[in-house]
N, C-alpha and C. Protein backbone atom coordinates (compact mmCIF):
# COMPACT_ATOMS: atom_id res chain seq x y z
N MET A 1 3.01 -1.51 -0.51
CA MET A 1 3.94 -2.32 0.34
C MET A 1 4.46 -3.43 -0.51
N THR A 2 5.71 -3.72 -0.43
CA THR A 2 6.26 -4.86 -1.13
C THR A 2 6.95 -5.73 -0.05
N TRP A 3 6.77 -7.02 -0.21
CA TRP A 3 7.38 -7.98 0.80
C TRP A 3 7.60 -9.26 0.12
N GLY A 4 8.29 -10.15 0.82
CA GLY A 4 8.70 -11.47 0.26
C GLY A 4 7.59 -12.45 0.22
N GLY A 5 6.44 -12.21 0.84
CA GLY A 5 5.31 -13.07 0.69
C GLY A 5 5.24 -14.16 1.77
N GLY A 6 5.93 -14.00 2.92
CA GLY A 6 5.89 -15.02 3.87
C GLY A 6 4.72 -14.97 4.76
N GLY A 7 3.72 -15.83 4.47
CA GLY A 7 2.52 -15.90 5.26
C GLY A 7 1.75 -14.66 5.39
N ALA A 8 1.42 -14.23 6.61
CA ALA A 8 0.68 -12.96 6.80
C ALA A 8 1.61 -11.81 7.21
N SER A 9 2.87 -11.90 6.71
CA SER A 9 3.82 -10.80 7.11
C SER A 9 3.40 -9.47 6.71
N ASP A 10 2.68 -9.37 5.56
CA ASP A 10 2.20 -8.08 5.13
C ASP A 10 1.25 -7.45 6.18
N LYS A 11 0.38 -8.28 6.74
CA LYS A 11 -0.53 -7.81 7.72
C LYS A 11 0.18 -7.42 9.03
N LEU A 12 1.22 -8.15 9.40
CA LEU A 12 1.98 -7.80 10.58
C LEU A 12 2.67 -6.43 10.42
N VAL A 13 3.32 -6.27 9.23
CA VAL A 13 4.06 -5.00 8.97
C VAL A 13 3.02 -3.86 8.92
N PHE A 14 1.86 -4.08 8.31
CA PHE A 14 0.88 -3.03 8.27
C PHE A 14 0.46 -2.60 9.64
N GLN A 15 0.21 -3.65 10.48
CA GLN A 15 -0.25 -3.36 11.89
C GLN A 15 0.80 -2.59 12.67
N ARG A 16 2.05 -2.96 12.51
CA ARG A 16 3.14 -2.25 13.18
C ARG A 16 3.26 -0.85 12.66
N MET A 17 3.19 -0.62 11.42
CA MET A 17 3.27 0.68 10.84
C MET A 17 2.10 1.55 11.29
N LYS A 18 0.93 0.97 11.33
CA LYS A 18 -0.28 1.64 11.75
C LYS A 18 -0.15 2.17 13.21
N LEU A 19 0.34 1.26 14.11
CA LEU A 19 0.48 1.61 15.48
C LEU A 19 1.55 2.73 15.66
N THR A 20 2.66 2.60 14.90
CA THR A 20 3.71 3.62 14.94
C THR A 20 3.22 4.97 14.51
N LEU A 21 2.46 5.02 13.39
CA LEU A 21 1.95 6.33 12.90
C LEU A 21 0.92 6.86 13.82
N GLU A 22 0.01 6.03 14.38
CA GLU A 22 -0.97 6.51 15.32
C GLU A 22 -0.37 7.10 16.52
N SER A 23 0.72 6.54 16.99
CA SER A 23 1.35 7.03 18.19
C SER A 23 1.89 8.41 17.96
N LYS A 24 2.06 8.81 16.65
CA LYS A 24 2.59 10.13 16.31
C LYS A 24 1.45 11.04 15.74
N GLY A 25 0.22 10.61 15.94
CA GLY A 25 -0.91 11.44 15.62
C GLY A 25 -1.25 11.32 14.07
N GLN A 26 -0.73 10.36 13.44
CA GLN A 26 -0.98 10.17 11.96
C GLN A 26 -1.94 9.03 11.72
N GLN A 27 -2.39 8.89 10.54
CA GLN A 27 -3.35 7.84 10.14
C GLN A 27 -2.84 7.08 8.91
N LEU A 28 -3.05 5.78 8.93
CA LEU A 28 -2.71 4.90 7.81
C LEU A 28 -3.97 4.36 7.19
N LEU A 29 -4.12 4.51 5.92
CA LEU A 29 -5.34 4.00 5.23
C LEU A 29 -5.34 2.48 5.29
N ALA A 30 -6.52 1.93 5.44
CA ALA A 30 -6.65 0.46 5.50
C ALA A 30 -6.55 -0.18 4.13
N ASP A 31 -6.75 0.63 3.11
CA ASP A 31 -6.69 0.18 1.71
C ASP A 31 -5.23 0.37 1.24
N TYR A 32 -4.52 -0.76 1.14
CA TYR A 32 -3.11 -0.62 0.77
C TYR A 32 -2.82 -1.53 -0.40
N PHE A 33 -1.87 -1.19 -1.17
CA PHE A 33 -1.46 -1.98 -2.36
C PHE A 33 -0.33 -2.97 -1.90
N VAL A 34 -0.51 -4.17 -2.29
CA VAL A 34 0.46 -5.22 -1.97
C VAL A 34 1.10 -5.81 -3.21
N CYS A 35 2.39 -5.88 -3.22
CA CYS A 35 3.14 -6.41 -4.34
C CYS A 35 4.25 -7.25 -3.77
N LEU A 36 4.30 -8.48 -4.33
CA LEU A 36 5.46 -9.38 -3.99
C LEU A 36 6.76 -8.73 -4.44
N GLY A 37 7.75 -8.80 -3.53
CA GLY A 37 9.06 -8.24 -3.86
C GLY A 37 10.03 -9.41 -4.09
N LYS A 38 11.18 -8.99 -4.63
CA LYS A 38 12.24 -9.95 -4.86
C LYS A 38 12.81 -10.36 -3.52
N THR A 39 13.03 -11.64 -3.39
CA THR A 39 13.64 -12.15 -2.11
C THR A 39 15.05 -12.50 -2.44
N LEU A 40 15.78 -12.86 -1.43
CA LEU A 40 17.19 -13.26 -1.62
C LEU A 40 17.17 -14.54 -2.37
N GLY A 41 18.08 -14.74 -3.31
CA GLY A 41 18.09 -15.92 -4.12
C GLY A 41 17.28 -15.76 -5.40
N PHE A 42 16.65 -16.87 -5.81
CA PHE A 42 15.86 -16.85 -7.04
C PHE A 42 14.36 -16.73 -6.87
N ALA A 43 13.89 -16.76 -5.68
CA ALA A 43 12.45 -16.66 -5.47
C ALA A 43 12.03 -15.29 -5.90
N ARG A 44 10.93 -15.33 -6.68
CA ARG A 44 10.27 -14.10 -7.14
C ARG A 44 11.19 -13.18 -7.96
N LYS A 45 12.12 -13.76 -8.61
CA LYS A 45 13.04 -12.97 -9.42
C LYS A 45 12.21 -12.20 -10.43
N GLY A 46 12.62 -10.95 -10.64
CA GLY A 46 11.97 -10.04 -11.59
C GLY A 46 10.74 -9.36 -10.99
N ARG A 47 10.55 -9.42 -9.72
CA ARG A 47 9.44 -8.74 -9.09
C ARG A 47 10.01 -7.56 -8.31
N PRO A 48 9.30 -6.47 -8.18
CA PRO A 48 8.08 -6.22 -8.95
C PRO A 48 8.38 -6.06 -10.44
N ASN A 49 7.34 -6.50 -11.20
CA ASN A 49 7.50 -6.43 -12.65
C ASN A 49 6.59 -5.38 -13.27
N GLU A 50 6.51 -5.27 -14.57
CA GLU A 50 5.76 -4.18 -15.25
C GLU A 50 4.31 -4.31 -14.89
N GLY A 51 3.77 -5.53 -14.79
CA GLY A 51 2.37 -5.72 -14.37
C GLY A 51 2.09 -5.15 -12.96
N ASP A 52 3.03 -5.45 -12.08
CA ASP A 52 2.95 -4.92 -10.78
C ASP A 52 2.94 -3.42 -10.71
N LEU A 53 3.76 -2.81 -11.54
CA LEU A 53 3.80 -1.34 -11.63
C LEU A 53 2.51 -0.78 -12.17
N VAL A 54 1.97 -1.38 -13.18
CA VAL A 54 0.69 -0.96 -13.71
C VAL A 54 -0.39 -1.02 -12.67
N ASN A 55 -0.41 -2.11 -11.92
CA ASN A 55 -1.39 -2.24 -10.86
C ASN A 55 -1.18 -1.19 -9.71
N ALA A 56 0.02 -0.91 -9.46
CA ALA A 56 0.36 0.10 -8.44
C ALA A 56 -0.14 1.52 -8.90
N ARG A 57 0.05 1.79 -10.13
CA ARG A 57 -0.38 3.08 -10.71
C ARG A 57 -1.91 3.24 -10.63
N LYS A 58 -2.60 2.10 -10.99
CA LYS A 58 -4.11 2.13 -10.84
C LYS A 58 -4.51 2.32 -9.44
N TRP A 59 -3.92 1.64 -8.54
CA TRP A 59 -4.26 1.79 -7.13
C TRP A 59 -4.03 3.28 -6.65
N ALA A 60 -2.89 3.81 -7.05
CA ALA A 60 -2.54 5.17 -6.70
C ALA A 60 -3.55 6.18 -7.27
N ALA A 61 -3.92 5.92 -8.50
CA ALA A 61 -4.91 6.85 -9.18
C ALA A 61 -6.25 6.75 -8.42
N LYS A 62 -6.64 5.58 -8.05
CA LYS A 62 -7.89 5.43 -7.28
C LYS A 62 -7.82 6.13 -5.99
N GLN A 63 -6.71 6.01 -5.26
CA GLN A 63 -6.51 6.73 -3.99
C GLN A 63 -6.60 8.22 -4.20
N ALA A 64 -5.96 8.71 -5.20
CA ALA A 64 -5.96 10.22 -5.51
C ALA A 64 -7.40 10.64 -5.87
N ASN A 65 -8.11 9.85 -6.58
CA ASN A 65 -9.46 10.18 -6.96
C ASN A 65 -10.37 10.20 -5.70
N ASN A 66 -10.26 9.21 -4.82
CA ASN A 66 -11.02 9.15 -3.64
C ASN A 66 -10.71 10.39 -2.70
N TYR A 67 -9.46 10.77 -2.65
CA TYR A 67 -9.03 11.87 -1.86
C TYR A 67 -9.66 13.15 -2.40
N GLU A 68 -9.55 13.32 -3.66
CA GLU A 68 -10.11 14.52 -4.38
C GLU A 68 -11.58 14.58 -4.09
N LYS A 69 -12.33 13.49 -4.17
CA LYS A 69 -13.78 13.52 -3.92
C LYS A 69 -14.03 13.84 -2.45
N SER A 70 -13.24 13.32 -1.51
CA SER A 70 -13.49 13.60 -0.10
C SER A 70 -13.24 15.07 0.21
N MET A 71 -12.28 15.66 -0.49
CA MET A 71 -11.97 17.11 -0.27
C MET A 71 -13.11 17.99 -0.85
N GLN A 72 -13.63 17.59 -2.03
CA GLN A 72 -14.74 18.30 -2.62
C GLN A 72 -15.95 18.19 -1.69
N ASN A 73 -16.22 17.05 -1.16
CA ASN A 73 -17.40 16.87 -0.23
C ASN A 73 -17.22 17.72 0.98
N LEU A 74 -15.99 17.82 1.46
CA LEU A 74 -15.70 18.60 2.71
C LEU A 74 -16.00 20.12 2.49
N PHE A 75 -15.67 20.59 1.26
CA PHE A 75 -15.92 21.98 0.97
C PHE A 75 -17.29 22.36 0.54
N LEU A 76 -18.05 21.23 0.16
CA LEU A 76 -19.42 21.47 -0.23
C LEU A 76 -20.39 21.48 0.98
N GLN A 77 -19.89 21.05 2.08
CA GLN A 77 -20.75 21.00 3.26
C GLN A 77 -20.97 22.36 3.91
């Protein structure tokens, strides 16, 4: 998720998205990646930056690894 960083707005967006998906029978993981995004004007100019992208890739790799492990455990039962 990327957002302008206004207070707890990331948590509000997450909660709304979670409720929307759950109403459609889907699930949203509680572990999500947060990255400040560029806002209108000069605030946070240059975001997301290369460091943010590196961190996003690490987070995604961790999620993929956790998913793979959970699938292996499912089939081993």
